[in-house]
N, C-alpha and C. Protein backbone atom coordinates (compact mmCIF):
# COMPACT_ATOMS: atom_id res chain seq x y z
N MET A 1 -49.37 105.26 33.32
CA MET A 1 -49.30 106.10 34.59
C MET A 1 -50.98 106.37 34.94
N LEU A 2 -51.00 105.72 36.39
CA LEU A 2 -52.25 106.02 36.87
C LEU A 2 -52.98 107.61 36.71
N ASP A 3 -54.01 107.74 37.01
CA ASP A 3 -54.62 109.08 37.11
C ASP A 3 -55.49 109.15 38.28
N VAL A 4 -54.40 109.12 39.36
CA VAL A 4 -54.92 108.69 40.69
C VAL A 4 -54.09 109.99 41.72
N LEU A 5 -55.07 110.69 42.66
CA LEU A 5 -54.19 111.45 43.62
C LEU A 5 -54.38 110.93 44.94
N PRO A 6 -53.48 111.11 45.57
CA PRO A 6 -53.14 110.79 47.09
C PRO A 6 -54.33 111.49 47.76
N TYR A 7 -54.91 112.66 47.62
CA TYR A 7 -55.88 113.65 48.52
C TYR A 7 -56.82 114.12 47.20
N PRO A 8 -58.16 113.77 47.46
CA PRO A 8 -59.01 113.01 48.49
C PRO A 8 -58.77 111.59 48.12
N LEU A 9 -59.66 110.57 48.97
CA LEU A 9 -59.51 109.47 48.63
C LEU A 9 -59.86 108.81 47.10
N THR A 10 -59.30 108.04 46.32
CA THR A 10 -59.76 107.92 44.84
C THR A 10 -59.88 106.24 45.25
N TRP A 11 -61.12 105.67 45.19
CA TRP A 11 -61.41 104.49 45.60
C TRP A 11 -61.88 103.70 44.43
N PRO A 12 -61.59 102.68 43.99
CA PRO A 12 -61.41 101.91 42.93
C PRO A 12 -62.98 101.71 42.75
N ALA A 13 -63.44 101.79 41.19
CA ALA A 13 -64.84 101.89 41.09
C ALA A 13 -65.50 100.29 41.08
N ASN A 14 -64.56 99.43 40.90
CA ASN A 14 -65.09 98.19 40.91
C ASN A 14 -65.14 97.40 42.35
N MET A 15 -65.05 98.04 43.41
CA MET A 15 -65.12 97.55 44.78
C MET A 15 -65.87 98.21 45.45
N PRO A 16 -67.03 97.62 46.03
CA PRO A 16 -67.82 98.09 46.99
C PRO A 16 -67.15 98.82 48.42
N ARG A 17 -67.94 99.58 48.88
CA ARG A 17 -67.62 100.18 50.49
C ARG A 17 -67.99 98.81 51.18
N THR A 18 -67.50 99.20 52.28
CA THR A 18 -67.48 98.09 53.72
C THR A 18 -68.71 99.14 54.33
N LYS A 19 -69.75 98.50 54.59
CA LYS A 19 -70.93 99.10 55.41
C LYS A 19 -70.70 99.23 56.97
N THR A 20 -69.77 98.23 57.41
CA THR A 20 -69.66 98.11 58.97
C THR A 20 -68.45 97.91 59.15
N GLN A 21 -67.66 98.54 60.03
CA GLN A 21 -66.05 98.14 60.12
C GLN A 21 -66.19 97.45 61.36
N LEU A 22 -64.98 96.66 61.11
CA LEU A 22 -64.52 95.59 62.41
C LEU A 22 -63.73 96.24 63.21
N ARG A 23 -63.79 95.65 64.62
CA ARG A 23 -62.82 96.12 65.41
C ARG A 23 -61.43 95.74 64.99
N SER A 24 -60.37 96.88 65.16
CA SER A 24 -59.02 96.58 64.83
C SER A 24 -58.22 95.88 66.07
N GLN A 25 -57.46 94.84 65.71
CA GLN A 25 -56.32 94.30 66.78
C GLN A 25 -55.20 94.99 66.38
N PHE A 26 -54.98 95.78 65.31
CA PHE A 26 -53.60 96.48 65.25
C PHE A 26 -53.37 97.36 66.07
N ARG A 27 -51.96 97.50 66.67
CA ARG A 27 -51.22 98.36 67.54
C ARG A 27 -50.63 99.40 66.82
N THR A 28 -50.70 99.74 65.53
CA THR A 28 -49.90 100.69 64.41
C THR A 28 -50.13 101.90 64.59
N GLY A 29 -49.41 102.84 64.69
CA GLY A 29 -49.75 104.35 64.46
C GLY A 29 -49.38 104.57 63.13
N LEU A 30 -50.07 106.00 62.70
CA LEU A 30 -50.40 106.13 61.29
C LEU A 30 -48.88 106.15 60.58
N PRO A 31 -47.76 106.83 61.20
CA PRO A 31 -46.22 106.76 60.43
C PRO A 31 -45.91 105.50 60.26
N SER A 32 -46.06 104.53 61.52
CA SER A 32 -45.78 103.23 61.13
C SER A 32 -46.09 102.23 60.15
N ALA A 33 -47.58 102.74 60.14
CA ALA A 33 -48.45 101.77 58.90
C ALA A 33 -48.09 102.34 57.63
N LEU A 34 -47.61 103.56 57.60
CA LEU A 34 -47.52 104.10 56.18
C LEU A 34 -45.83 103.62 55.77
N LYS A 35 -45.25 103.52 56.85
CA LYS A 35 -43.79 102.82 56.32
C LYS A 35 -43.90 101.57 56.25
N ASN A 36 -44.73 100.61 56.77
CA ASN A 36 -44.94 99.44 56.63
C ASN A 36 -45.36 98.85 55.41
N VAL A 37 -46.18 99.91 54.81
CA VAL A 37 -47.08 99.83 53.28
C VAL A 37 -45.54 99.90 52.37
N ARG A 38 -44.94 101.01 52.47
CA ARG A 38 -43.75 101.28 51.54
C ARG A 38 -42.94 100.41 51.54
N LYS A 39 -42.65 99.42 53.00
CA LYS A 39 -41.41 98.54 53.02
C LYS A 39 -41.90 97.34 52.14
N SER A 40 -43.29 96.97 52.36
CA SER A 40 -43.75 95.90 51.84
C SER A 40 -43.80 95.94 50.43
N ILE A 41 -43.98 97.22 49.72
CA ILE A 41 -43.96 97.26 48.30
C ILE A 41 -42.44 97.18 47.52
N ALA A 42 -41.55 97.71 48.50
CA ALA A 42 -40.42 97.94 48.07
C ALA A 42 -39.79 96.29 47.96
N ALA A 43 -40.18 95.65 49.39
CA ALA A 43 -39.85 93.99 49.07
C ALA A 43 -40.39 93.30 48.39
N PHE A 44 -41.78 93.48 47.92
CA PHE A 44 -42.32 92.65 47.06
C PHE A 44 -41.70 92.90 45.51
N SER A 45 -41.33 94.30 45.25
CA SER A 45 -40.92 94.51 43.82
C SER A 45 -39.47 94.01 43.76
N SER A 46 -38.71 93.77 44.98
CA SER A 46 -37.38 93.24 44.63
C SER A 46 -37.25 91.49 44.85
N ASP A 47 -38.31 90.92 45.53
CA ASP A 47 -38.66 89.64 45.59
C ASP A 47 -39.18 89.09 43.92
N SER A 48 -40.01 89.95 43.34
CA SER A 48 -40.51 89.31 42.12
C SER A 48 -39.75 89.70 41.05
N GLY A 49 -38.56 90.90 41.43
CA GLY A 49 -37.89 91.27 40.26
C GLY A 49 -38.51 92.30 39.16
N LYS A 50 -39.83 92.47 39.42
CA LYS A 50 -40.44 93.53 38.88
C LYS A 50 -40.62 94.71 39.48
N ALA A 51 -40.37 95.87 38.61
CA ALA A 51 -40.53 96.91 39.31
C ALA A 51 -41.86 97.44 39.32
N ILE A 52 -41.90 98.17 40.73
CA ILE A 52 -43.56 98.74 40.74
C ILE A 52 -43.21 100.50 40.51
N ALA A 53 -44.06 100.79 39.68
CA ALA A 53 -44.21 102.12 39.42
C ALA A 53 -45.50 102.79 39.76
N ASP A 54 -45.64 104.08 39.62
CA ASP A 54 -46.73 104.91 39.59
C ASP A 54 -47.50 104.81 40.99
N LEU A 55 -46.62 104.42 42.08
CA LEU A 55 -47.30 104.41 43.34
C LEU A 55 -47.92 105.22 43.97
N VAL A 56 -49.40 105.56 44.23
CA VAL A 56 -50.11 106.33 44.86
C VAL A 56 -50.63 105.70 46.09
N ILE A 57 -50.56 106.34 47.21
CA ILE A 57 -51.54 105.91 48.43
C ILE A 57 -52.47 107.14 48.88
N SER A 58 -53.63 106.77 48.31
CA SER A 58 -54.94 107.43 48.43
C SER A 58 -55.60 107.49 49.75
N SER A 59 -56.01 108.48 50.16
CA SER A 59 -56.77 108.75 51.45
C SER A 59 -57.36 109.74 51.78
N ASN A 60 -57.96 110.27 52.53
CA ASN A 60 -58.80 111.76 53.22
C ASN A 60 -57.74 112.32 54.16
N VAL A 61 -56.60 111.72 54.40
CA VAL A 61 -55.59 112.12 55.56
C VAL A 61 -55.21 113.48 54.92
N THR A 62 -55.06 114.80 55.74
CA THR A 62 -54.50 115.63 55.45
C THR A 62 -53.48 116.02 56.48
N LEU A 63 -52.79 117.26 56.48
CA LEU A 63 -51.95 117.71 57.40
C LEU A 63 -52.63 117.97 58.82
N GLY A 64 -53.78 118.65 58.36
CA GLY A 64 -54.78 119.06 59.52
C GLY A 64 -55.64 118.24 60.02
N ASP A 65 -56.04 117.00 59.19
CA ASP A 65 -57.00 115.86 59.75
C ASP A 65 -56.40 114.62 59.41
N ASP A 66 -55.99 114.00 60.65
CA ASP A 66 -55.50 112.72 60.43
C ASP A 66 -56.65 111.67 60.92
N ARG A 67 -57.96 112.07 61.00
CA ARG A 67 -59.10 111.28 61.66
C ARG A 67 -60.02 111.77 60.77
N PRO A 68 -59.84 111.78 59.25
CA PRO A 68 -61.12 111.73 58.68
C PRO A 68 -62.43 110.81 58.87
N ARG A 69 -63.73 111.51 58.35
CA ARG A 69 -64.49 110.62 58.27
C ARG A 69 -64.47 109.36 57.22
N ASP A 70 -63.89 109.62 56.49
CA ASP A 70 -63.93 108.29 55.49
C ASP A 70 -62.51 107.69 55.86
N ILE A 71 -62.59 106.74 56.30
CA ILE A 71 -61.22 105.94 56.94
C ILE A 71 -60.86 105.00 55.75
N GLY A 72 -61.19 105.30 54.56
CA GLY A 72 -60.59 104.08 53.47
C GLY A 72 -59.29 104.65 53.23
N VAL A 73 -58.71 103.59 52.69
CA VAL A 73 -57.45 103.79 51.88
C VAL A 73 -56.94 102.98 50.58
N ALA A 74 -56.66 103.47 49.51
CA ALA A 74 -56.45 102.65 48.43
C ALA A 74 -54.98 102.93 48.02
N VAL A 75 -54.49 101.81 47.90
CA VAL A 75 -52.86 101.87 47.43
C VAL A 75 -52.80 101.37 45.64
N TRP A 76 -52.55 102.45 45.10
CA TRP A 76 -52.78 102.05 43.42
C TRP A 76 -50.95 101.90 43.21
N PHE A 77 -50.86 101.11 42.23
CA PHE A 77 -49.43 100.87 41.75
C PHE A 77 -49.61 100.22 40.22
N THR A 78 -48.48 100.41 39.53
CA THR A 78 -48.54 99.30 38.39
C THR A 78 -47.42 98.34 38.51
N TRP A 79 -47.39 97.09 38.11
CA TRP A 79 -46.69 96.17 38.58
C TRP A 79 -46.71 94.99 37.21
N ASP A 80 -45.61 94.97 36.51
CA ASP A 80 -45.54 93.72 35.48
C ASP A 80 -46.79 94.01 34.38
N GLY A 81 -47.10 95.09 34.00
CA GLY A 81 -47.87 95.68 33.04
C GLY A 81 -49.40 95.75 33.61
N LEU A 82 -49.45 95.45 35.08
CA LEU A 82 -50.93 95.34 35.48
C LEU A 82 -51.30 96.67 36.30
N SER A 83 -52.34 97.21 36.04
CA SER A 83 -52.71 98.30 37.13
C SER A 83 -53.47 98.02 37.99
N VAL A 84 -52.83 97.94 39.19
CA VAL A 84 -53.38 97.04 40.65
C VAL A 84 -53.75 98.32 41.67
N CYS A 85 -54.84 97.97 42.46
CA CYS A 85 -55.18 98.96 43.69
C CYS A 85 -55.83 97.90 44.59
N ILE A 86 -55.07 98.22 45.59
CA ILE A 86 -55.45 97.41 46.86
C ILE A 86 -56.18 98.54 47.56
N ALA A 87 -57.22 98.11 47.80
CA ALA A 87 -58.10 99.20 48.95
C ALA A 87 -59.05 98.41 50.04
N VAL A 88 -58.66 99.18 51.27
CA VAL A 88 -59.60 98.39 52.73
C VAL A 88 -59.91 99.80 53.12
N ASP A 89 -61.28 99.38 53.55
CA ASP A 89 -62.07 100.31 54.59
C ASP A 89 -62.81 99.62 55.83
N ARG A 90 -62.18 98.42 56.11
CA ARG A 90 -62.88 97.63 56.95
C ARG A 90 -62.79 97.84 58.35
N TYR A 91 -61.68 98.76 58.71
CA TYR A 91 -61.31 98.85 59.99
C TYR A 91 -61.61 100.19 60.54
N PRO A 92 -61.80 100.59 61.74
CA PRO A 92 -62.26 102.12 62.13
C PRO A 92 -61.40 103.36 61.90
N ASN A 93 -60.12 103.22 61.68
CA ASN A 93 -59.12 104.27 61.29
C ASN A 93 -58.23 103.79 60.16
N VAL A 94 -57.59 104.74 59.59
CA VAL A 94 -56.91 104.89 58.45
C VAL A 94 -55.84 104.21 59.01
N GLU A 95 -54.79 104.28 60.03
CA GLU A 95 -53.54 103.47 60.11
C GLU A 95 -54.00 101.91 60.21
N SER A 96 -55.26 101.61 60.55
CA SER A 96 -55.52 99.97 60.88
C SER A 96 -55.65 99.55 59.24
N ASN A 97 -56.26 100.42 58.37
CA ASN A 97 -56.72 99.99 57.01
C ASN A 97 -55.19 99.94 56.17
N LEU A 98 -54.15 100.86 56.54
CA LEU A 98 -52.74 100.76 55.73
C LEU A 98 -52.34 99.64 56.48
N GLN A 99 -52.17 98.95 57.76
CA GLN A 99 -51.81 97.84 58.10
C GLN A 99 -52.45 96.89 57.48
N ALA A 100 -53.75 96.69 57.46
CA ALA A 100 -54.04 95.41 56.42
C ALA A 100 -53.73 95.61 55.13
N ILE A 101 -53.47 96.80 54.47
CA ILE A 101 -52.84 96.45 53.36
C ILE A 101 -51.45 96.11 53.19
N HIS A 102 -50.45 96.23 54.03
CA HIS A 102 -49.03 96.02 54.56
C HIS A 102 -49.25 94.52 54.65
N LEU A 103 -50.43 93.94 55.40
CA LEU A 103 -50.44 92.49 55.42
C LEU A 103 -50.67 91.58 54.30
N ILE A 104 -51.53 92.25 53.50
CA ILE A 104 -52.16 91.88 52.04
C ILE A 104 -50.92 91.77 51.11
N LEU A 105 -50.11 92.77 51.26
CA LEU A 105 -48.84 92.70 50.24
C LEU A 105 -48.03 91.53 50.83
N GLU A 106 -47.87 91.25 52.27
CA GLU A 106 -46.92 90.34 52.68
C GLU A 106 -47.56 88.99 52.40
N ALA A 107 -48.86 88.91 52.50
CA ALA A 107 -49.21 87.23 51.84
C ALA A 107 -49.18 87.31 50.37
N ARG A 108 -48.94 88.57 49.62
CA ARG A 108 -48.27 88.18 48.04
C ARG A 108 -47.05 87.75 48.25
N ARG A 109 -46.26 88.46 48.67
CA ARG A 109 -44.82 87.96 49.05
C ARG A 109 -44.89 86.38 49.28
N THR A 110 -45.71 85.81 50.24
CA THR A 110 -45.57 84.81 50.63
C THR A 110 -45.80 83.49 49.26
N GLU A 111 -46.96 84.26 48.60
CA GLU A 111 -47.35 83.31 47.26
C GLU A 111 -46.22 83.31 46.15
N LEU A 112 -45.71 84.67 46.37
CA LEU A 112 -44.45 84.47 45.24
C LEU A 112 -43.34 83.25 45.87
N ARG A 113 -43.06 83.53 47.09
CA ARG A 113 -42.05 82.40 47.53
C ARG A 113 -42.39 81.13 47.32
N HIS A 114 -43.77 80.68 47.16
CA HIS A 114 -44.18 79.45 47.49
C HIS A 114 -44.97 79.10 46.00
N GLY A 115 -45.35 80.07 45.43
CA GLY A 115 -46.47 79.49 44.07
C GLY A 115 -45.65 80.30 43.17
N GLY A 116 -45.05 81.02 43.01
CA GLY A 116 -44.09 81.77 41.89
C GLY A 116 -44.97 82.92 41.28
N LEU A 117 -44.28 83.53 40.12
CA LEU A 117 -45.02 84.82 39.44
C LEU A 117 -46.35 84.41 39.05
N ASN A 118 -46.54 83.43 38.25
CA ASN A 118 -47.71 82.85 37.98
C ASN A 118 -48.89 83.16 38.48
N ILE A 119 -48.78 82.31 39.95
CA ILE A 119 -49.61 82.41 40.98
C ILE A 119 -49.97 83.83 41.66
N VAL A 120 -48.99 84.90 41.64
CA VAL A 120 -49.34 86.38 42.18
C VAL A 120 -49.62 87.16 41.09
N ARG A 121 -49.59 86.64 39.76
CA ARG A 121 -50.32 87.55 38.61
C ARG A 121 -51.72 87.11 38.78
N ALA A 122 -51.97 85.79 38.74
CA ALA A 122 -53.22 85.43 38.96
C ALA A 122 -54.10 86.21 40.27
N THR A 123 -53.52 86.17 41.38
CA THR A 123 -54.05 86.89 42.55
C THR A 123 -53.85 88.37 41.97
N PHE A 124 -53.19 88.92 41.77
CA PHE A 124 -53.22 90.57 41.28
C PHE A 124 -54.53 90.72 40.03
N THR A 125 -54.52 89.93 39.47
CA THR A 125 -55.72 89.87 38.11
C THR A 125 -57.26 90.32 39.35
N GLY A 126 -57.33 89.85 40.39
CA GLY A 126 -58.48 90.10 41.22
C GLY A 126 -58.17 91.75 41.69
N PHE A 127 -57.08 92.06 42.07
CA PHE A 127 -57.00 93.49 42.26
C PHE A 127 -57.01 94.38 41.35
N GLN A 128 -56.73 94.02 39.95
CA GLN A 128 -56.77 94.75 38.68
C GLN A 128 -57.68 96.30 38.67
N ALA A 129 -57.05 97.24 38.53
CA ALA A 129 -57.96 98.48 38.97
C ALA A 129 -58.64 99.12 37.84
N LEU A 130 -59.61 99.01 38.01
CA LEU A 130 -60.14 99.70 36.87
C LEU A 130 -60.05 101.31 36.74
N PRO A 131 -60.23 101.85 35.71
CA PRO A 131 -59.85 103.56 35.81
C PRO A 131 -60.55 104.06 36.95
N ALA A 132 -59.90 105.29 37.48
CA ALA A 132 -60.45 105.83 38.56
C ALA A 132 -61.90 106.76 37.98
N PRO A 133 -62.74 107.09 38.87
CA PRO A 133 -63.85 107.85 38.39
C PRO A 133 -63.15 109.22 37.47
N ALA A 134 -63.86 109.37 36.58
CA ALA A 134 -63.60 110.55 35.93
C ALA A 134 -63.95 111.87 36.54
N GLN A 135 -63.07 112.51 36.80
CA GLN A 135 -63.33 113.97 37.29
C GLN A 135 -64.09 114.82 36.59
N ARG A 136 -64.75 116.02 37.07
CA ARG A 136 -65.36 116.94 36.50
C ARG A 136 -64.24 118.08 36.19
N SER A 137 -64.48 118.56 35.02
CA SER A 137 -63.35 119.67 34.52
C SER A 137 -63.80 120.64 35.57
N TRP A 138 -62.53 121.69 35.80
CA TRP A 138 -62.51 123.10 36.75
C TRP A 138 -63.95 123.88 36.04
N ARG A 139 -64.40 123.76 34.78
CA ARG A 139 -65.26 124.80 34.49
C ARG A 139 -66.84 124.19 34.96
N ASP A 140 -66.95 122.91 34.87
CA ASP A 140 -68.02 122.33 35.63
C ASP A 140 -68.52 122.35 36.92
N VAL A 141 -67.18 122.09 37.47
CA VAL A 141 -66.92 122.59 38.77
C VAL A 141 -67.66 124.01 39.27
N PHE A 142 -67.11 124.83 38.93
CA PHE A 142 -67.16 126.18 38.87
C PHE A 142 -68.61 126.56 38.39
N GLY A 143 -68.96 125.93 37.80
CA GLY A 143 -70.31 126.40 36.52
C GLY A 143 -70.22 127.30 35.76
N PHE A 144 -69.15 127.77 35.17
CA PHE A 144 -68.95 128.30 34.01
C PHE A 144 -69.46 128.10 33.01
N ASN A 145 -70.26 128.78 32.25
CA ASN A 145 -71.00 128.19 31.04
C ASN A 145 -70.16 129.02 29.46
N SER A 146 -70.73 128.26 28.46
CA SER A 146 -69.52 128.43 27.21
C SER A 146 -69.68 129.91 27.15
N GLU A 147 -70.46 130.66 27.46
CA GLU A 147 -70.37 132.21 27.00
C GLU A 147 -69.51 132.65 27.88
N GLU A 148 -68.91 132.29 29.18
CA GLU A 148 -68.04 132.92 29.87
C GLU A 148 -66.44 132.32 29.46
N ALA A 149 -66.43 131.20 28.59
CA ALA A 149 -65.22 130.43 28.58
C ALA A 149 -64.16 131.67 28.34
N ASP A 150 -64.26 132.44 27.29
CA ASP A 150 -63.19 132.95 26.65
C ASP A 150 -62.90 134.51 27.51
N ARG A 151 -63.58 134.72 28.53
CA ARG A 151 -63.08 135.91 29.36
C ARG A 151 -63.06 135.31 30.88
N ILE A 152 -62.77 134.34 31.00
CA ILE A 152 -62.51 133.67 32.70
C ILE A 152 -61.32 134.53 33.04
N ASN A 153 -61.12 134.89 34.00
CA ASN A 153 -60.00 135.47 34.59
C ASN A 153 -59.89 135.15 36.04
N ARG A 154 -58.89 135.46 36.95
CA ARG A 154 -58.46 135.05 38.24
C ARG A 154 -59.56 135.80 38.92
N ALA A 155 -60.10 137.05 38.88
CA ALA A 155 -60.93 137.46 39.75
C ALA A 155 -62.36 137.00 39.85
N MET A 156 -62.36 136.30 38.62
CA MET A 156 -63.84 135.37 38.42
C MET A 156 -63.71 134.30 39.32
N ILE A 157 -62.40 133.44 39.05
CA ILE A 157 -62.37 132.12 39.63
C ILE A 157 -62.36 132.53 41.20
N ASP A 158 -61.70 133.61 41.84
CA ASP A 158 -61.40 133.63 42.86
C ASP A 158 -63.24 133.71 43.58
N GLY A 159 -63.91 135.07 42.71
CA GLY A 159 -65.21 135.08 43.33
C GLY A 159 -66.01 133.82 43.28
N ARG A 160 -66.16 133.02 42.43
CA ARG A 160 -66.90 131.87 42.27
C ARG A 160 -66.23 130.62 43.40
N TYR A 161 -65.13 130.83 43.81
CA TYR A 161 -64.44 129.94 44.56
C TYR A 161 -65.08 130.23 46.22
N ARG A 162 -64.91 131.46 46.13
CA ARG A 162 -65.59 132.18 47.51
C ARG A 162 -67.13 131.51 47.85
N LEU A 163 -67.84 132.02 46.58
CA LEU A 163 -69.23 131.55 46.80
C LEU A 163 -69.34 130.01 47.26
N LEU A 164 -68.92 129.07 46.24
CA LEU A 164 -68.98 127.94 46.25
C LEU A 164 -68.46 127.42 47.74
N ALA A 165 -67.41 127.87 47.83
CA ALA A 165 -66.72 127.20 49.29
C ALA A 165 -67.75 127.62 50.45
N ALA A 166 -68.24 128.43 50.40
CA ALA A 166 -69.33 128.81 51.47
C ALA A 166 -70.29 127.84 51.65
N GLU A 167 -70.58 127.26 50.72
CA GLU A 167 -71.72 126.36 50.63
C GLU A 167 -70.92 124.79 50.63
N ARG A 168 -69.70 124.47 49.98
CA ARG A 168 -69.49 123.07 50.25
C ARG A 168 -68.25 122.68 51.52
N HIS A 169 -68.16 123.91 51.80
CA HIS A 169 -67.24 123.88 53.43
C HIS A 169 -67.53 122.30 54.36
N PRO A 170 -67.01 121.61 54.54
CA PRO A 170 -67.50 120.46 55.65
C PRO A 170 -68.23 121.03 56.94
N ASP A 171 -68.06 122.09 57.12
CA ASP A 171 -68.74 122.57 58.50
C ASP A 171 -70.29 122.84 58.12
N ARG A 172 -70.48 123.06 56.93
CA ARG A 172 -71.91 123.32 56.37
C ARG A 172 -72.78 122.08 56.17
N ALA A 173 -73.99 121.96 56.41
CA ALA A 173 -74.60 121.09 56.11
C ALA A 173 -74.86 120.42 54.71
N SER A 174 -74.73 121.29 53.70
CA SER A 174 -74.70 121.08 52.52
C SER A 174 -73.37 120.58 52.02
N GLY A 175 -72.22 120.48 52.46
CA GLY A 175 -70.70 120.51 52.39
C GLY A 175 -70.30 119.00 52.77
N SER A 176 -69.01 118.91 52.19
CA SER A 176 -68.42 117.69 52.67
C SER A 176 -66.78 117.67 52.07
N HIS A 177 -65.89 117.16 52.85
CA HIS A 177 -64.65 116.76 52.52
C HIS A 177 -64.59 116.54 50.86
N GLU A 178 -65.18 115.69 50.62
CA GLU A 178 -65.17 115.50 49.30
C GLU A 178 -65.32 116.60 48.00
N LEU A 179 -66.31 117.47 48.35
CA LEU A 179 -67.07 118.47 47.41
C LEU A 179 -65.81 119.55 47.84
N MET A 180 -65.32 119.71 48.82
CA MET A 180 -64.33 121.05 49.09
C MET A 180 -63.24 120.41 48.51
N ALA A 181 -62.65 119.23 48.20
CA ALA A 181 -61.54 119.06 47.88
C ALA A 181 -61.58 118.96 46.45
N GLU A 182 -62.72 118.67 45.86
CA GLU A 182 -63.30 118.72 44.40
C GLU A 182 -62.85 120.29 44.11
N LEU A 183 -63.24 121.37 44.75
CA LEU A 183 -63.51 122.62 44.40
C LEU A 183 -62.53 122.98 44.37
N ASN A 184 -61.28 122.68 45.67
CA ASN A 184 -59.94 123.17 45.81
C ASN A 184 -58.77 122.61 44.36
N ARG A 185 -59.15 121.22 44.00
CA ARG A 185 -58.69 120.71 42.64
C ARG A 185 -58.98 121.72 41.59
N ALA A 186 -60.14 122.10 41.74
CA ALA A 186 -60.86 122.77 40.37
C ALA A 186 -60.19 124.14 40.57
N ARG A 187 -60.02 124.81 41.54
CA ARG A 187 -59.41 126.28 41.64
C ARG A 187 -57.93 126.02 41.13
N ALA A 188 -56.96 124.89 41.77
CA ALA A 188 -55.65 124.91 41.06
C ALA A 188 -55.52 124.58 39.60
N GLU A 189 -56.53 123.88 38.88
CA GLU A 189 -56.39 123.67 37.63
C GLU A 189 -56.71 124.56 36.92
N ALA A 190 -57.84 125.51 37.47
CA ALA A 190 -58.27 126.77 36.64
C ALA A 190 -56.85 127.76 36.52
N LEU A 191 -56.64 128.03 37.75
CA LEU A 191 -55.56 128.95 38.11
C LEU A 191 -54.20 128.76 37.28
N ALA A 192 -53.97 127.48 36.97
CA ALA A 192 -52.83 126.90 36.18
C ALA A 192 -53.20 127.15 34.88
N GLU A 193 -54.39 126.91 34.49
CA GLU A 193 -54.71 127.10 32.85
C GLU A 193 -55.10 128.56 32.36
N VAL A 194 -55.61 129.31 33.52
CA VAL A 194 -55.50 130.99 32.85
C VAL A 194 -54.50 131.64 32.97
N GLY A 195 -53.55 131.31 33.80
CA GLY A 195 -51.97 131.31 33.99
C GLY A 195 -52.10 132.64 35.01
N ALA A 196 -53.26 132.46 36.08
CA ALA A 196 -53.06 133.58 37.00
C ALA A 196 -52.22 133.23 38.22
């Protein structure tokens, strides 16, 4: 099972980020590009006779923001015993990067038809995913020390959350979407563990 979240973007540690984006020729909207990727994944699985499991399409798109600053997309899945990640950030918007992943998957289907499973396995070895970067524990994110550990309650979590959210919110100079996403994840984990 891959330890990857759909949001925020989980980029593979072994792949450098693109410094400058290319102009996109794709004319596909976000819903269509997402549908194309899912369709290509299903078709590739069917063509190869090997199940695709643990599919996660990771990006910084949320219900309130379909134009995030970080436009990268990473599609993580398990196929034929390989943990695979296809990540693209070379185009100026999420939908173009998704469409590029769709075309990469379609190219793997072409390899499958003409070269067989061994060729595709060799290609996917290049996409083999290293484990996602380790996430800090919710205690570390909130800055709770070992002396506070046995008495943490919902009021403490909520108070610390409000204080840190004021600093880390993307609208603040010291904040970012990534820091806020980490804080939200930590709050959800803290409340689940504390039982509040």
